[in-house]
Amino acid sequence: MALPFARSADFALDKDAGKPCPNLRDDHRCGIHARLRQSGFTGCTVYDCFGAGQKVSQVTFGGQDWRTGPPDRARRVFDVFPVVRQLHELLWYLTEALALPAARPVHAELRRALTDTERLTDGSPEELAALDVAAHRQRVNVLLLRTSELVRAGTRGKKKNRRNADLMGARLRGADLSGADLRGAYLIAADLTGADLRGADLIGADLRDADLTDADLTGAFFLTQPQLTAARGSAGTRLPGSVSHPVHWTAGT
């Protein structure tokens, strides 16, 4: 309901923000959840709000239904949701950073940032709507960058810098990208078959339709489940413990 999407390879139709998806049922469930991929809604299968939807609906607005009550309730809910979604994503990254032993020199700062971010998520609808979430993201990003430097420093060999690189459709079969900085890299439909991505920073990397068959992502960090679900892989793809093999991956594909 809250977010827009455009007709593309990820979505079968256009939908404006604040407008209901035609597949939304009266009980708030998806009418085609069991066949989203076959129906052209792959984008829905890889989306994750990191718990922000539950927080906004059950805590921020106390379980109030946006379909009932004052006419402006839905608008207020939809204004707040993208803010909380960003905060919850930051909580995920900060929690992962705190689990990385190499980042111990900044653990104290990371814990403070985690506490501050959690406090912000508990704000009132008015406070959340007025929050400069971009500024907060920037402050947290400084710590995440430092975390990346500390973790990747432990990887032997020369570390490739591919931050924000356009690697769409790139032929990277068997490439040595261990310890690489791939923050924000465009890896859409890239061939990463058998590539070495151990200890790589994958925060914000676009892995849609990337082929990770038999690739080694052991120790890769800041890799979210939605990123992985958007890619292709196999039973032979080695992953960090923070994520799992998507159900649509099959052996040898």
C-alpha atoms as a PDB file:
ATOM      1  CA  MET A   1       0.000   0.000   0.000  1.00  0.00           C
ATOM      2  CA  ALA A   2       2.584   2.567   1.132  1.00  0.00           C
ATOM      3  CA  LEU A   3       5.279   2.192  -1.516  1.00  0.00           C
ATOM      4  CA  PRO A   4       5.156   2.748  -5.287  1.00  0.00           C
ATOM      5  CA  PHE A   5       6.417   0.396  -7.976  1.00  0.00           C
ATOM      6  CA  ALA A   6       6.718   0.586 -11.749  1.00  0.00           C
ATOM      7  CA  ARG A   7       5.939  -2.015 -14.396  1.00  0.00           C
ATOM      8  CA  SER A   8       9.252  -3.754 -15.063  1.00  0.00           C
ATOM      9  CA  ALA A   9      11.001  -7.091 -14.813  1.00  0.00           C
ATOM     10  CA  ASP A  10      10.315  -6.893 -11.064  1.00  0.00           C
ATOM     11  CA  PHE A  11       6.657  -5.855 -11.122  1.00  0.00           C
ATOM     12  CA  ALA A  12       3.826  -6.730 -13.492  1.00  0.00           C
ATOM     13  CA  LEU A  13       2.141  -3.330 -13.252  1.00  0.00           C
ATOM     14  CA  ASP A  14       2.440   0.272 -12.105  1.00  0.00           C
ATOM     15  CA  LYS A  15       1.295   1.300  -8.622  1.00  0.00           C
ATOM     16  CA  ASP A  16       1.422   4.740  -7.015  1.00  0.00           C
ATOM     17  CA  ALA A  17       2.487   5.302  -3.411  1.00  0.00           C
ATOM     18  CA  GLY A  18      -0.479   5.232  -1.082  1.00  0.00           C
ATOM     19  CA  LYS A  19      -2.581   3.239  -3.521  1.00  0.00           C
ATOM     20  CA  PRO A  20      -3.485  -0.388  -2.809  1.00  0.00           C
ATOM     21  CA  CYS A  21      -1.984  -3.173  -4.893  1.00  0.00           C
ATOM     22  CA  PRO A  22      -4.828  -4.954  -6.724  1.00  0.00           C
ATOM     23  CA  ASN A  23      -3.653  -8.162  -5.062  1.00  0.00           C
ATOM     24  CA  LEU A  24      -4.195  -6.774  -1.546  1.00  0.00           C
ATOM     25  CA  ARG A  25      -7.081  -8.564   0.163  1.00  0.00           C
ATOM     26  CA  ASP A  26      -9.434  -7.169   2.790  1.00  0.00           C
ATOM     27  CA  ASP A  27      -7.586  -9.138   5.495  1.00  0.00           C
ATOM     28  CA  HIS A  28      -4.327  -7.306   4.576  1.00  0.00           C
ATOM     29  CA  ARG A  29      -2.866 -10.450   2.987  1.00  0.00           C
ATOM     30  CA  CYS A  30      -1.533 -10.887  -0.538  1.00  0.00           C
ATOM     31  CA  GLY A  31      -3.891 -12.744  -2.826  1.00  0.00           C
ATOM     32  CA  ILE A  32      -1.087 -14.212  -4.944  1.00  0.00           C
ATOM     33  CA  HIS A  33       1.627 -14.696  -2.318  1.00  0.00           C
ATOM     34  CA  ALA A  34       2.185 -18.342  -3.249  1.00  0.00           C
ATOM     35  CA  ARG A  35       2.751 -17.509  -6.926  1.00  0.00           C
ATOM     36  CA  LEU A  36       4.376 -14.067  -6.896  1.00  0.00           C
ATOM     37  CA  ARG A  37       7.310 -15.016  -9.137  1.00  0.00           C
ATOM     38  CA  GLN A  38       5.119 -16.739 -11.695  1.00  0.00           C
ATOM     39  CA  SER A  39       2.807 -13.694 -11.717  1.00  0.00           C
ATOM     40  CA  GLY A  40       5.585 -11.222 -12.514  1.00  0.00           C
ATOM     41  CA  PHE A  41       6.079  -9.829  -9.012  1.00  0.00           C
ATOM     42  CA  THR A  42       9.651 -10.930  -8.322  1.00  0.00           C
ATOM     43  CA  GLY A  43      10.289  -7.565  -6.665  1.00  0.00           C
ATOM     44  CA  CYS A  44       7.838  -8.464  -3.915  1.00  0.00           C
ATOM     45  CA  THR A  45       9.697 -11.696  -3.141  1.00  0.00           C
ATOM     46  CA  VAL A  46      12.991  -9.900  -2.497  1.00  0.00           C
ATOM     47  CA  TYR A  47      11.657  -6.943  -0.512  1.00  0.00           C
ATOM     48  CA  ASP A  48      12.237  -6.749   3.235  1.00  0.00           C
ATOM     49  CA  CYS A  49      11.211  -3.886   5.504  1.00  0.00           C
ATOM     50  CA  PHE A  50      13.503  -5.163   8.314  1.00  0.00           C
ATOM     51  CA  GLY A  51      10.536  -5.170  10.681  1.00  0.00           C
ATOM     52  CA  ALA A  52       9.617  -1.525  10.094  1.00  0.00           C
ATOM     53  CA  GLY A  53       6.080  -2.329   8.991  1.00  0.00           C
ATOM     54  CA  GLN A  54       5.370  -4.189  12.207  1.00  0.00           C
ATOM     55  CA  LYS A  55       6.941  -1.415  14.302  1.00  0.00           C
ATOM     56  CA  VAL A  56       4.930   1.347  12.646  1.00  0.00           C
ATOM     57  CA  SER A  57       1.622  -0.489  12.699  1.00  0.00           C
ATOM     58  CA  GLN A  58       1.853  -2.064  16.150  1.00  0.00           C
ATOM     59  CA  VAL A  59       3.972   0.433  18.123  1.00  0.00           C
ATOM     60  CA  THR A  60       4.063   3.854  16.477  1.00  0.00           C
ATOM     61  CA  PHE A  61       0.327   3.795  15.758  1.00  0.00           C
ATOM     62  CA  GLY A  62      -0.653   1.345  18.496  1.00  0.00           C
ATOM     63  CA  GLY A  63      -2.306  -1.213  16.253  1.00  0.00           C
ATOM     64  CA  GLN A  64      -4.696   1.288  14.667  1.00  0.00           C
ATOM     65  CA  ASP A  65      -5.944   0.243  11.243  1.00  0.00           C
ATOM     66  CA  TRP A  66      -5.011   2.758   8.536  1.00  0.00           C
ATOM     67  CA  ARG A  67      -8.232   1.819   6.744  1.00  0.00           C
ATOM     68  CA  THR A  68     -10.383   3.163   9.578  1.00  0.00           C
ATOM     69  CA  GLY A  69     -10.453   6.272  11.749  1.00  0.00           C
ATOM     70  CA  PRO A  70      -9.566   9.837  10.741  1.00  0.00           C
ATOM     71  CA  PRO A  71      -9.120  10.446   6.989  1.00  0.00           C
ATOM     72  CA  ASP A  72      -5.493  11.510   7.431  1.00  0.00           C
ATOM     73  CA  ARG A  73      -4.421   8.405   9.382  1.00  0.00           C
ATOM     74  CA  ALA A  74      -3.317   6.470   6.310  1.00  0.00           C
ATOM     75  CA  ARG A  75      -1.261   9.415   5.065  1.00  0.00           C
ATOM     76  CA  ARG A  76       0.462   9.755   8.444  1.00  0.00           C
ATOM     77  CA  VAL A  77       1.245   6.037   8.533  1.00  0.00           C
ATOM     78  CA  PHE A  78       2.664   6.101   5.011  1.00  0.00           C
ATOM     79  CA  ASP A  79       4.759   9.216   5.737  1.00  0.00           C
ATOM     80  CA  VAL A  80       6.355   7.592   8.772  1.00  0.00           C
ATOM     81  CA  PHE A  81       6.952   4.120   7.331  1.00  0.00           C
ATOM     82  CA  PRO A  82       9.855   4.979   4.935  1.00  0.00           C
ATOM     83  CA  VAL A  83      11.670   6.740   7.783  1.00  0.00           C
ATOM     84  CA  VAL A  84      11.357   3.798  10.158  1.00  0.00           C
ATOM     85  CA  ARG A  85      12.300   1.406   7.379  1.00  0.00           C
ATOM     86  CA  GLN A  86      15.616   3.232   6.927  1.00  0.00           C
ATOM     87  CA  LEU A  87      16.240   3.250  10.678  1.00  0.00           C
ATOM     88  CA  HIS A  88      15.556  -0.482  10.919  1.00  0.00           C
ATOM     89  CA  GLU A  89      17.939  -1.162   8.062  1.00  0.00           C
ATOM     90  CA  LEU A  90      20.619   0.773   9.948  1.00  0.00           C
ATOM     91  CA  LEU A  91      19.885  -1.314  13.044  1.00  0.00           C
ATOM     92  CA  TRP A  92      20.548  -4.451  10.967  1.00  0.00           C
ATOM     93  CA  TYR A  93      23.910  -3.131   9.745  1.00  0.00           C
ATOM     94  CA  LEU A  94      24.970  -1.917  13.188  1.00  0.00           C
ATOM     95  CA  THR A  95      24.068  -5.262  14.738  1.00  0.00           C
ATOM     96  CA  GLU A  96      26.111  -7.090  12.108  1.00  0.00           C
ATOM     97  CA  ALA A  97      29.065  -4.732  12.613  1.00  0.00           C
ATOM     98  CA  LEU A  98      29.028  -5.480  16.340  1.00  0.00           C
ATOM     99  CA  ALA A  99      29.284  -9.195  15.555  1.00  0.00           C
ATOM    100  CA  LEU A 100      32.511  -8.689  13.578  1.00  0.00           C
ATOM    101  CA  PRO A 101      35.577  -9.251  15.816  1.00  0.00           C
ATOM    102  CA  ALA A 102      37.821  -7.174  13.530  1.00  0.00           C
ATOM    103  CA  ALA A 103      35.620  -4.141  14.198  1.00  0.00           C
ATOM    104  CA  ARG A 104      36.320  -4.257  17.940  1.00  0.00           C
ATOM    105  CA  PRO A 105      38.149  -0.885  17.917  1.00  0.00           C
ATOM    106  CA  VAL A 106      34.851   0.825  17.031  1.00  0.00           C
ATOM    107  CA  HIS A 107      32.471  -1.423  18.959  1.00  0.00           C
ATOM    108  CA  ALA A 108      31.839   1.227  21.639  1.00  0.00           C
ATOM    109  CA  GLU A 109      30.860   3.796  19.016  1.00  0.00           C
ATOM    110  CA  LEU A 110      28.752   1.231  17.186  1.00  0.00           C
ATOM    111  CA  ARG A 111      26.874   0.395  20.390  1.00  0.00           C
ATOM    112  CA  ARG A 112      26.142   4.073  20.977  1.00  0.00           C
ATOM    113  CA  ALA A 113      24.899   4.434  17.410  1.00  0.00           C
ATOM    114  CA  LEU A 114      22.721   1.352  17.859  1.00  0.00           C
ATOM    115  CA  THR A 115      21.195   2.774  21.029  1.00  0.00           C
ATOM    116  CA  ASP A 116      20.600   6.159  19.393  1.00  0.00           C
ATOM    117  CA  THR A 117      18.947   4.543  16.372  1.00  0.00           C
ATOM    118  CA  GLU A 118      16.724   2.351  18.512  1.00  0.00           C
ATOM    119  CA  ARG A 119      15.655   5.452  20.462  1.00  0.00           C
ATOM    120  CA  LEU A 120      14.728   7.237  17.235  1.00  0.00           C
ATOM    121  CA  THR A 121      12.494   4.357  16.147  1.00  0.00           C
ATOM    122  CA  ASP A 122      10.453   4.876  19.318  1.00  0.00           C
ATOM    123  CA  GLY A 123       9.593   8.459  18.390  1.00  0.00           C
ATOM    124  CA  SER A 124       6.071   9.740  17.944  1.00  0.00           C
ATOM    125  CA  PRO A 125       4.609   9.955  14.439  1.00  0.00           C
ATOM    126  CA  GLU A 126       5.313  13.693  14.460  1.00  0.00           C
ATOM    127  CA  GLU A 127       8.922  13.218  15.577  1.00  0.00           C
ATOM    128  CA  LEU A 128       9.562  10.531  12.986  1.00  0.00           C
ATOM    129  CA  ALA A 129       8.026  12.549  10.159  1.00  0.00           C
ATOM    130  CA  ALA A 130      10.267  15.513  11.061  1.00  0.00           C
ATOM    131  CA  LEU A 131      13.455  13.427  11.469  1.00  0.00           C
ATOM    132  CA  ASP A 132      16.383  14.182   9.167  1.00  0.00           C
ATOM    133  CA  VAL A 133      17.007  10.510   8.494  1.00  0.00           C
ATOM    134  CA  ALA A 134      19.590  11.264   5.778  1.00  0.00           C
ATOM    135  CA  ALA A 135      21.772  13.092   8.302  1.00  0.00           C
ATOM    136  CA  HIS A 136      21.505  10.200  10.751  1.00  0.00           C
ATOM    137  CA  ARG A 137      22.380   7.707   8.012  1.00  0.00           C
ATOM    138  CA  GLN A 138      25.475   9.744   7.202  1.00  0.00           C
ATOM    139  CA  ARG A 139      26.643   9.674  10.830  1.00  0.00           C
ATOM    140  CA  VAL A 140      26.145   5.920  11.002  1.00  0.00           C
ATOM    141  CA  ASN A 141      27.795   5.415   7.621  1.00  0.00           C
ATOM    142  CA  VAL A 142      31.052   6.883   8.945  1.00  0.00           C
ATOM    143  CA  LEU A 143      31.172   4.022  11.455  1.00  0.00           C
ATOM    144  CA  LEU A 144      30.196   1.424   8.872  1.00  0.00           C
ATOM    145  CA  LEU A 145      32.974   2.630   6.575  1.00  0.00           C
ATOM    146  CA  ARG A 146      35.481   2.331   9.406  1.00  0.00           C
ATOM    147  CA  THR A 147      34.133  -1.146  10.148  1.00  0.00           C
ATOM    148  CA  SER A 148      34.643  -2.103   6.513  1.00  0.00           C
ATOM    149  CA  GLU A 149      38.237  -0.902   6.530  1.00  0.00           C
ATOM    150  CA  LEU A 150      39.041  -2.869   9.688  1.00  0.00           C
ATOM    151  CA  VAL A 151      37.435  -6.088   8.458  1.00  0.00           C
ATOM    152  CA  ARG A 152      38.870  -5.982   4.948  1.00  0.00           C
ATOM    153  CA  ALA A 153      42.340  -5.233   6.293  1.00  0.00           C
ATOM    154  CA  GLY A 154      42.440  -8.820   7.509  1.00  0.00           C
ATOM    155  CA  THR A 155      42.117 -10.185   3.979  1.00  0.00           C
ATOM    156  CA  ARG A 156      45.398 -11.117   2.376  1.00  0.00           C
ATOM    157  CA  GLY A 157      46.401  -9.664  -0.965  1.00  0.00           C
ATOM    158  CA  LYS A 158      45.447  -6.484  -2.765  1.00  0.00           C
ATOM    159  CA  LYS A 159      41.894  -5.335  -2.050  1.00  0.00           C
ATOM    160  CA  LYS A 160      40.017  -4.146  -5.114  1.00  0.00           C
ATOM    161  CA  ASN A 161      38.027  -0.930  -4.855  1.00  0.00           C
ATOM    162  CA  ARG A 162      34.812  -1.306  -6.858  1.00  0.00           C
ATOM    163  CA  ARG A 163      32.676   1.065  -4.821  1.00  0.00           C
ATOM    164  CA  ASN A 164      29.656   2.233  -6.847  1.00  0.00           C
ATOM    165  CA  ALA A 165      31.186   0.598  -9.931  1.00  0.00           C
ATOM    166  CA  ASP A 166      29.045  -0.172 -12.972  1.00  0.00           C
ATOM    167  CA  LEU A 167      29.549  -3.923 -13.316  1.00  0.00           C
ATOM    168  CA  MET A 168      26.206  -4.729 -14.905  1.00  0.00           C
ATOM    169  CA  GLY A 169      26.543  -7.902 -16.968  1.00  0.00           C
ATOM    170  CA  ALA A 170      30.268  -8.065 -16.175  1.00  0.00           C
ATOM    171  CA  ARG A 171      32.100 -11.309 -16.866  1.00  0.00           C
ATOM    172  CA  LEU A 172      33.601 -12.017 -13.460  1.00  0.00           C
ATOM    173  CA  ARG A 173      33.597 -15.791 -13.557  1.00  0.00           C
ATOM    174  CA  GLY A 174      36.258 -17.030 -11.120  1.00  0.00           C
ATOM    175  CA  ALA A 175      37.337 -13.462 -10.287  1.00  0.00           C
ATOM    176  CA  ASP A 176      39.333 -12.780  -7.137  1.00  0.00           C
ATOM    177  CA  LEU A 177      37.232 -10.204  -5.293  1.00  0.00           C
ATOM    178  CA  SER A 178      38.261 -11.258  -1.815  1.00  0.00           C
ATOM    179  CA  GLY A 179      38.270  -8.290   0.537  1.00  0.00           C
ATOM    180  CA  ALA A 180      36.906  -6.055  -2.222  1.00  0.00           C
ATOM    181  CA  ASP A 181      34.972  -2.861  -1.553  1.00  0.00           C
ATOM    182  CA  LEU A 182      31.767  -3.449  -3.517  1.00  0.00           C
ATOM    183  CA  ARG A 183      29.649  -0.908  -1.662  1.00  0.00           C
ATOM    184  CA  GLY A 184      26.853   0.259  -3.954  1.00  0.00           C
ATOM    185  CA  ALA A 185      28.263  -1.614  -6.960  1.00  0.00           C
ATOM    186  CA  TYR A 186      25.887  -2.400  -9.833  1.00  0.00           C
ATOM    187  CA  LEU A 187      26.272  -6.133 -10.320  1.00  0.00           C
ATOM    188  CA  ILE A 188      22.976  -6.679 -12.119  1.00  0.00           C
ATOM    189  CA  ALA A 189      23.182  -9.869 -14.236  1.00  0.00           C
ATOM    190  CA  ALA A 190      26.938 -10.113 -13.618  1.00  0.00           C
ATOM    191  CA  ASP A 191      28.498 -13.548 -14.034  1.00  0.00           C
ATOM    192  CA  LEU A 192      30.122 -14.264 -10.670  1.00  0.00           C
ATOM    193  CA  THR A 193      30.218 -18.032 -11.131  1.00  0.00           C
ATOM    194  CA  GLY A 194      32.936 -19.440  -8.881  1.00  0.00           C
ATOM    195  CA  ALA A 195      34.108 -15.957  -7.883  1.00  0.00           C
ATOM    196  CA  ASP A 196      35.986 -15.426  -4.617  1.00  0.00           C
ATOM    197  CA  LEU A 197      34.027 -12.869  -2.589  1.00  0.00           C
ATOM    198  CA  ARG A 198      35.381 -13.833   0.799  1.00  0.00           C
ATOM    199  CA  GLY A 199      35.515 -10.887   3.173  1.00  0.00           C
ATOM    200  CA  ALA A 200      33.984  -8.491   0.637  1.00  0.00           C
ATOM    201  CA  ASP A 201      31.908  -5.486   1.683  1.00  0.00           C
ATOM    202  CA  LEU A 202      28.576  -5.826  -0.145  1.00  0.00           C
ATOM    203  CA  ILE A 203      26.561  -3.073   1.486  1.00  0.00           C
ATOM    204  CA  GLY A 204      24.079  -1.704  -1.033  1.00  0.00           C
ATOM    205  CA  ALA A 205      25.430  -3.807  -3.920  1.00  0.00           C
ATOM    206  CA  ASP A 206      22.749  -4.523  -6.531  1.00  0.00           C
ATOM    207  CA  LEU A 207      22.836  -8.279  -7.113  1.00  0.00           C
ATOM    208  CA  ARG A 208      19.630  -8.605  -9.117  1.00  0.00           C
ATOM    209  CA  ASP A 209      19.952 -11.617 -11.436  1.00  0.00           C
ATOM    210  CA  ALA A 210      23.688 -11.887 -10.686  1.00  0.00           C
ATOM    211  CA  ASP A 211      24.921 -15.473 -11.038  1.00  0.00           C
ATOM    212  CA  LEU A 212      26.539 -16.598  -7.780  1.00  0.00           C
ATOM    213  CA  THR A 213      26.706 -20.268  -8.712  1.00  0.00           C
ATOM    214  CA  ASP A 214      29.522 -21.912  -6.713  1.00  0.00           C
ATOM    215  CA  ALA A 215      30.806 -18.496  -5.599  1.00  0.00           C
ATOM    216  CA  ASP A 216      32.457 -18.213  -2.189  1.00  0.00           C
ATOM    217  CA  LEU A 217      30.963 -15.460  -0.043  1.00  0.00           C
ATOM    218  CA  THR A 218      32.355 -16.803   3.218  1.00  0.00           C
ATOM    219  CA  GLY A 219      32.978 -13.873   5.533  1.00  0.00           C
ATOM    220  CA  ALA A 220      31.353 -11.378   3.178  1.00  0.00           C
ATOM    221  CA  PHE A 221      29.599  -8.760   5.295  1.00  0.00           C
ATOM    222  CA  PHE A 222      26.741  -6.280   5.138  1.00  0.00           C
ATOM    223  CA  LEU A 223      25.023  -8.716   2.768  1.00  0.00           C
ATOM    224  CA  THR A 224      21.274  -8.800   3.366  1.00  0.00           C
ATOM    225  CA  GLN A 225      18.859 -11.591   2.600  1.00  0.00           C
ATOM    226  CA  PRO A 226      16.933  -9.435   0.071  1.00  0.00           C
ATOM    227  CA  GLN A 227      20.145  -8.827  -1.893  1.00  0.00           C
ATOM    228  CA  LEU A 228      20.842 -12.535  -2.004  1.00  0.00           C
ATOM    229  CA  THR A 229      17.277 -13.469  -2.876  1.00  0.00           C
ATOM    230  CA  ALA A 230      17.460 -11.162  -5.891  1.00  0.00           C
ATOM    231  CA  ALA A 231      20.440 -13.133  -7.231  1.00  0.00           C
ATOM    232  CA  ARG A 232      20.821 -16.614  -8.693  1.00  0.00           C
ATOM    233  CA  GLY A 233      22.923 -19.296  -7.074  1.00  0.00           C
ATOM    234  CA  SER A 234      23.317 -22.954  -6.275  1.00  0.00           C
ATOM    235  CA  ALA A 235      23.737 -25.401  -3.455  1.00  0.00           C
ATOM    236  CA  GLY A 236      27.470 -24.930  -3.985  1.00  0.00           C
ATOM    237  CA  THR A 237      27.354 -21.212  -3.234  1.00  0.00           C
ATOM    238  CA  ARG A 238      29.081 -20.649   0.107  1.00  0.00           C
ATOM    239  CA  LEU A 239      27.492 -17.980   2.278  1.00  0.00           C
ATOM    240  CA  PRO A 240      28.170 -16.122   5.522  1.00  0.00           C
ATOM    241  CA  GLY A 241      26.160 -17.257   8.525  1.00  0.00           C
ATOM    242  CA  SER A 242      23.998 -14.127   8.544  1.00  0.00           C
ATOM    243  CA  VAL A 243      22.049 -15.227   5.444  1.00  0.00           C
ATOM    244  CA  SER A 244      20.668 -18.461   4.005  1.00  0.00           C
ATOM    245  CA  HIS A 245      20.220 -20.040   0.589  1.00  0.00           C
ATOM    246  CA  PRO A 246      17.057 -18.638  -1.042  1.00  0.00           C
ATOM    247  CA  VAL A 247      14.390 -21.250  -1.643  1.00  0.00           C
ATOM    248  CA  HIS A 248      14.318 -20.585  -5.397  1.00  0.00           C
ATOM    249  CA  TRP A 249      17.969 -21.574  -5.806  1.00  0.00           C
ATOM    250  CA  THR A 250      18.471 -25.116  -7.039  1.00  0.00           C
ATOM    251  CA  ALA A 251      21.561 -27.205  -7.399  1.00  0.00           C
ATOM    252  CA  GLY A 252      23.484 -26.530 -10.569  1.00  0.00           C
ATOM    253  CA  THR A 253      21.534 -23.382 -11.536  1.00  0.00           C
END
